[in-house]
Amino acid sequence: MRLLTLALLAVVLLLQGPLWFGKGGWLRVHELERHVAEQQEVNDGLRRRNAALDAEVRDLKQGYGAIEERARAELGMIRQDEVFFQVLESGPRLAAVPERPQR
């Protein structure tokens, strides 16, 4: 009876081995599911970026508002009837350089 129990236990272990460690086993399936979840996160980020780029392209094609905004922000351009004021931030002041005595 003991020999039969050990034989059946060995058969069960031999059948369970491929289920856990084989090519299509549980561990491999878990690893592949993790990779799929990571790739889906990457794909979602790329979809959001593509949607933003698509909206920007549509905006640039349809109206001048986006073009004007880019010209102001990136190129520093102003309209013809506008007045430009430049505000300088106050930084550390330089000490006056002493003049050299003349010889």
N, C-alpha and C. Protein backbone atom coordinates (compact mmCIF):
# COMPACT_ATOMS: atom_id res chain seq x y z
N MET A 1 0.82 -1.19 0.00
CA MET A 1 0.00 0.00 0.00
C MET A 1 0.87 1.26 0.00
N ARG A 2 1.93 1.23 0.76
CA ARG A 2 2.82 2.38 0.85
C ARG A 2 3.50 2.63 -0.50
N LEU A 3 3.85 1.60 -1.19
CA LEU A 3 4.47 1.72 -2.52
C LEU A 3 3.49 2.32 -3.51
N LEU A 4 2.24 1.94 -3.43
CA LEU A 4 1.21 2.49 -4.32
C LEU A 4 1.01 3.98 -4.03
N THR A 5 1.02 4.38 -2.78
CA THR A 5 0.87 5.78 -2.40
C THR A 5 2.03 6.61 -2.94
N LEU A 6 3.25 6.10 -2.79
CA LEU A 6 4.42 6.80 -3.31
C LEU A 6 4.39 6.89 -4.83
N ALA A 7 3.92 5.85 -5.48
CA ALA A 7 3.84 5.86 -6.95
C ALA A 7 2.81 6.89 -7.41
N LEU A 8 1.66 6.93 -6.75
CA LEU A 8 0.64 7.90 -7.12
C LEU A 8 1.12 9.34 -6.84
N LEU A 9 1.83 9.54 -5.73
CA LEU A 9 2.38 10.85 -5.41
C LEU A 9 3.40 11.28 -6.46
N ALA A 10 4.22 10.34 -6.92
CA ALA A 10 5.20 10.65 -7.97
C ALA A 10 4.51 11.01 -9.27
N VAL A 11 3.44 10.33 -9.62
CA VAL A 11 2.69 10.63 -10.83
C VAL A 11 2.07 12.03 -10.74
N VAL A 12 1.50 12.35 -9.58
CA VAL A 12 0.91 13.68 -9.39
C VAL A 12 1.97 14.76 -9.53
N LEU A 13 3.14 14.54 -8.93
CA LEU A 13 4.22 15.52 -9.04
C LEU A 13 4.70 15.67 -10.48
N LEU A 14 4.77 14.56 -11.20
CA LEU A 14 5.17 14.63 -12.61
C LEU A 14 4.14 15.37 -13.46
N LEU A 15 2.89 15.24 -13.11
CA LEU A 15 1.85 15.95 -13.85
C LEU A 15 1.79 17.43 -13.46
N GLN A 16 2.10 17.73 -12.22
CA GLN A 16 2.06 19.12 -11.75
C GLN A 16 3.27 19.93 -12.21
N GLY A 17 4.38 19.31 -12.45
CA GLY A 17 5.60 20.00 -12.86
C GLY A 17 5.40 20.89 -14.08
N PRO A 18 4.92 20.34 -15.19
CA PRO A 18 4.68 21.19 -16.36
C PRO A 18 3.62 22.26 -16.13
N LEU A 19 2.65 21.97 -15.26
CA LEU A 19 1.61 22.95 -14.98
C LEU A 19 2.21 24.18 -14.31
N TRP A 20 3.18 24.01 -13.43
CA TRP A 20 3.79 25.12 -12.71
C TRP A 20 4.99 25.71 -13.43
N PHE A 21 5.84 24.85 -14.00
CA PHE A 21 7.12 25.32 -14.53
C PHE A 21 7.27 25.16 -16.03
N GLY A 22 6.30 24.61 -16.71
CA GLY A 22 6.42 24.36 -18.14
C GLY A 22 6.24 25.62 -18.98
N LYS A 23 6.24 25.42 -20.30
CA LYS A 23 6.16 26.54 -21.24
C LYS A 23 4.87 27.34 -21.07
N GLY A 24 3.77 26.67 -20.79
CA GLY A 24 2.49 27.35 -20.60
C GLY A 24 2.03 27.27 -19.16
N GLY A 25 2.97 27.16 -18.23
CA GLY A 25 2.63 26.99 -16.83
C GLY A 25 2.18 28.28 -16.17
N TRP A 26 1.76 28.13 -14.92
CA TRP A 26 1.21 29.26 -14.16
C TRP A 26 2.22 30.38 -14.00
N LEU A 27 3.46 30.05 -13.74
CA LEU A 27 4.48 31.09 -13.55
C LEU A 27 4.69 31.89 -14.83
N ARG A 28 4.74 31.20 -15.95
CA ARG A 28 4.92 31.89 -17.25
C ARG A 28 3.70 32.75 -17.57
N VAL A 29 2.52 32.25 -17.28
CA VAL A 29 1.29 33.01 -17.53
C VAL A 29 1.28 34.28 -16.69
N HIS A 30 1.68 34.16 -15.42
CA HIS A 30 1.73 35.33 -14.54
C HIS A 30 2.72 36.36 -15.07
N GLU A 31 3.88 35.91 -15.52
CA GLU A 31 4.90 36.81 -16.07
C GLU A 31 4.38 37.51 -17.33
N LEU A 32 3.72 36.77 -18.20
CA LEU A 32 3.17 37.36 -19.42
C LEU A 32 2.06 38.37 -19.11
N GLU A 33 1.23 38.08 -18.12
CA GLU A 33 0.18 39.03 -17.74
C GLU A 33 0.78 40.33 -17.23
N ARG A 34 1.88 40.23 -16.48
CA ARG A 34 2.56 41.43 -15.99
C ARG A 34 3.12 42.24 -17.16
N HIS A 35 3.71 41.56 -18.14
CA HIS A 35 4.24 42.26 -19.31
C HIS A 35 3.12 42.93 -20.11
N VAL A 36 2.00 42.26 -20.22
CA VAL A 36 0.86 42.83 -20.95
C VAL A 36 0.35 44.08 -20.23
N ALA A 37 0.27 44.04 -18.91
CA ALA A 37 -0.19 45.21 -18.15
C ALA A 37 0.77 46.39 -18.32
N GLU A 38 2.08 46.12 -18.29
CA GLU A 38 3.06 47.19 -18.50
C GLU A 38 2.93 47.79 -19.89
N GLN A 39 2.76 46.94 -20.89
CA GLN A 39 2.65 47.43 -22.26
C GLN A 39 1.37 48.23 -22.45
N GLN A 40 0.28 47.83 -21.77
CA GLN A 40 -0.96 48.58 -21.87
C GLN A 40 -0.80 49.98 -21.27
N GLU A 41 -0.03 50.11 -20.19
CA GLU A 41 0.23 51.43 -19.61
C GLU A 41 1.02 52.30 -20.59
N VAL A 42 2.01 51.71 -21.23
CA VAL A 42 2.79 52.45 -22.23
C VAL A 42 1.89 52.88 -23.38
N ASN A 43 1.06 51.96 -23.85
CA ASN A 43 0.16 52.27 -24.96
C ASN A 43 -0.83 53.37 -24.60
N ASP A 44 -1.34 53.35 -23.36
CA ASP A 44 -2.27 54.40 -22.92
C ASP A 44 -1.59 55.77 -22.93
N GLY A 45 -0.35 55.81 -22.47
CA GLY A 45 0.39 57.08 -22.50
C GLY A 45 0.59 57.57 -23.92
N LEU A 46 0.92 56.66 -24.82
CA LEU A 46 1.11 57.04 -26.22
C LEU A 46 -0.20 57.49 -26.86
N ARG A 47 -1.31 56.84 -26.48
CA ARG A 47 -2.62 57.27 -27.01
C ARG A 47 -2.94 58.69 -26.57
N ARG A 48 -2.68 58.99 -25.28
CA ARG A 48 -2.95 60.35 -24.79
C ARG A 48 -2.08 61.36 -25.52
N ARG A 49 -0.81 61.02 -25.73
CA ARG A 49 0.09 61.94 -26.45
C ARG A 49 -0.38 62.14 -27.88
N ASN A 50 -0.78 61.06 -28.54
CA ASN A 50 -1.28 61.17 -29.91
C ASN A 50 -2.55 62.00 -29.98
N ALA A 51 -3.43 61.85 -29.00
CA ALA A 51 -4.67 62.64 -28.99
C ALA A 51 -4.34 64.12 -28.82
N ALA A 52 -3.38 64.43 -27.95
CA ALA A 52 -3.00 65.84 -27.76
C ALA A 52 -2.39 66.41 -29.03
N LEU A 53 -1.53 65.63 -29.69
CA LEU A 53 -0.92 66.10 -30.94
C LEU A 53 -1.98 66.27 -32.03
N ASP A 54 -2.94 65.35 -32.08
CA ASP A 54 -4.01 65.45 -33.07
C ASP A 54 -4.85 66.70 -32.84
N ALA A 55 -5.16 66.98 -31.58
CA ALA A 55 -5.93 68.20 -31.26
C ALA A 55 -5.14 69.44 -31.64
N GLU A 56 -3.85 69.44 -31.40
CA GLU A 56 -3.02 70.59 -31.75
C GLU A 56 -2.97 70.79 -33.27
N VAL A 57 -2.85 69.70 -34.02
CA VAL A 57 -2.81 69.79 -35.48
C VAL A 57 -4.14 70.33 -36.00
N ARG A 58 -5.26 69.81 -35.46
CA ARG A 58 -6.57 70.32 -35.89
C ARG A 58 -6.72 71.80 -35.57
N ASP A 59 -6.25 72.20 -34.40
CA ASP A 59 -6.34 73.61 -34.00
C ASP A 59 -5.50 74.48 -34.92
N LEU A 60 -4.32 74.01 -35.28
CA LEU A 60 -3.46 74.79 -36.18
C LEU A 60 -4.06 74.90 -37.58
N LYS A 61 -4.75 73.85 -38.02
CA LYS A 61 -5.35 73.86 -39.35
C LYS A 61 -6.59 74.74 -39.41
N GLN A 62 -7.36 74.81 -38.33
CA GLN A 62 -8.65 75.47 -38.37
C GLN A 62 -8.63 76.94 -38.01
N GLY A 63 -7.72 77.37 -37.18
CA GLY A 63 -7.80 78.76 -36.75
C GLY A 63 -6.45 79.38 -36.56
N TYR A 64 -6.48 80.69 -36.40
CA TYR A 64 -5.24 81.44 -36.23
C TYR A 64 -4.89 81.64 -34.75
N GLY A 65 -5.78 81.28 -33.85
CA GLY A 65 -5.53 81.46 -32.43
C GLY A 65 -4.32 80.68 -31.95
N ALA A 66 -4.21 79.43 -32.38
CA ALA A 66 -3.09 78.60 -31.95
C ALA A 66 -1.79 79.09 -32.57
N ILE A 67 -1.87 79.54 -33.80
CA ILE A 67 -0.67 80.05 -34.47
C ILE A 67 -0.18 81.30 -33.76
N GLU A 68 -1.13 82.19 -33.41
CA GLU A 68 -0.77 83.42 -32.71
C GLU A 68 -0.18 83.10 -31.34
N GLU A 69 -0.77 82.15 -30.65
CA GLU A 69 -0.27 81.77 -29.33
C GLU A 69 1.16 81.23 -29.41
N ARG A 70 1.42 80.39 -30.40
CA ARG A 70 2.79 79.87 -30.58
C ARG A 70 3.77 80.98 -30.94
N ALA A 71 3.35 81.90 -31.79
CA ALA A 71 4.24 82.99 -32.19
C ALA A 71 4.58 83.84 -30.98
N ARG A 72 3.62 84.07 -30.09
CA ARG A 72 3.88 84.87 -28.90
C ARG A 72 4.79 84.12 -27.92
N ALA A 73 4.47 82.85 -27.66
CA ALA A 73 5.18 82.10 -26.62
C ALA A 73 6.58 81.69 -27.06
N GLU A 74 6.69 81.18 -28.27
CA GLU A 74 7.97 80.60 -28.70
C GLU A 74 8.87 81.60 -29.42
N LEU A 75 8.28 82.53 -30.13
CA LEU A 75 9.08 83.46 -30.92
C LEU A 75 9.12 84.87 -30.35
N GLY A 76 8.30 85.13 -29.33
CA GLY A 76 8.31 86.46 -28.71
C GLY A 76 7.73 87.54 -29.60
N MET A 77 6.84 87.19 -30.50
CA MET A 77 6.27 88.16 -31.43
C MET A 77 5.10 88.90 -30.80
N ILE A 78 4.83 90.12 -31.29
CA ILE A 78 3.69 90.92 -30.85
C ILE A 78 2.96 91.44 -32.08
N ARG A 79 1.73 91.88 -31.87
CA ARG A 79 0.97 92.45 -32.99
C ARG A 79 1.44 93.85 -33.28
N GLN A 80 1.01 94.35 -34.41
CA GLN A 80 1.45 95.66 -34.86
C GLN A 80 0.92 96.78 -33.96
N ASP A 81 -0.29 96.62 -33.42
CA ASP A 81 -0.88 97.69 -32.62
C ASP A 81 -0.65 97.51 -31.12
N GLU A 82 0.23 96.61 -30.72
CA GLU A 82 0.49 96.38 -29.31
C GLU A 82 1.76 97.09 -28.86
N VAL A 83 1.84 97.32 -27.56
CA VAL A 83 3.03 97.92 -26.97
C VAL A 83 3.69 96.85 -26.12
N PHE A 84 4.97 96.70 -26.27
CA PHE A 84 5.72 95.67 -25.56
C PHE A 84 6.42 96.27 -24.35
N PHE A 85 6.18 95.67 -23.19
CA PHE A 85 6.87 96.07 -21.96
C PHE A 85 7.69 94.87 -21.49
N GLN A 86 8.95 95.14 -21.17
CA GLN A 86 9.80 94.07 -20.64
C GLN A 86 10.09 94.39 -19.18
N VAL A 87 9.74 93.47 -18.31
CA VAL A 87 9.95 93.66 -16.87
C VAL A 87 11.15 92.81 -16.49
N LEU A 88 12.15 93.44 -15.97
CA LEU A 88 13.36 92.72 -15.55
C LEU A 88 13.25 92.40 -14.08
N GLU A 89 13.62 91.20 -13.73
CA GLU A 89 13.62 90.81 -12.33
C GLU A 89 14.84 91.41 -11.67
N SER A 90 14.67 91.87 -10.44
CA SER A 90 15.82 92.45 -9.77
C SER A 90 16.68 91.32 -9.23
N GLY A 91 17.94 91.38 -9.55
CA GLY A 91 18.88 90.36 -9.11
C GLY A 91 19.92 90.98 -8.22
N PRO A 92 20.94 90.25 -7.87
CA PRO A 92 21.99 90.83 -7.04
C PRO A 92 22.71 91.93 -7.81
N ARG A 93 22.86 93.05 -7.16
CA ARG A 93 23.50 94.20 -7.82
C ARG A 93 25.01 94.04 -7.75
N LEU A 94 25.65 94.45 -8.80
CA LEU A 94 27.10 94.39 -8.84
C LEU A 94 27.68 95.57 -8.07
N ALA A 95 28.74 95.31 -7.35
CA ALA A 95 29.41 96.39 -6.63
C ALA A 95 30.12 97.28 -7.62
N ALA A 96 30.18 98.54 -7.31
CA ALA A 96 30.85 99.49 -8.20
C ALA A 96 32.33 99.17 -8.25
N VAL A 97 32.87 99.17 -9.43
CA VAL A 97 34.29 98.89 -9.61
C VAL A 97 35.07 100.17 -9.36
N PRO A 98 36.04 100.16 -8.43
CA PRO A 98 36.79 101.38 -8.16
C PRO A 98 37.64 101.74 -9.36
N GLU A 99 37.70 103.03 -9.59
CA GLU A 99 38.52 103.50 -10.72
C GLU A 99 40.00 103.44 -10.34
N ARG A 100 40.82 103.20 -11.34
CA ARG A 100 42.28 103.18 -11.09
C ARG A 100 42.81 104.61 -11.06
N PRO A 101 43.69 104.85 -10.17
CA PRO A 101 44.28 106.21 -10.16
C PRO A 101 45.14 106.42 -11.39
N GLN A 102 45.10 107.60 -11.90
CA GLN A 102 45.89 107.90 -13.09
C GLN A 102 47.32 108.28 -12.70
N ARG A 103 48.25 107.84 -13.46
CA ARG A 103 49.65 108.14 -13.15
C ARG A 103 50.19 109.22 -13.99
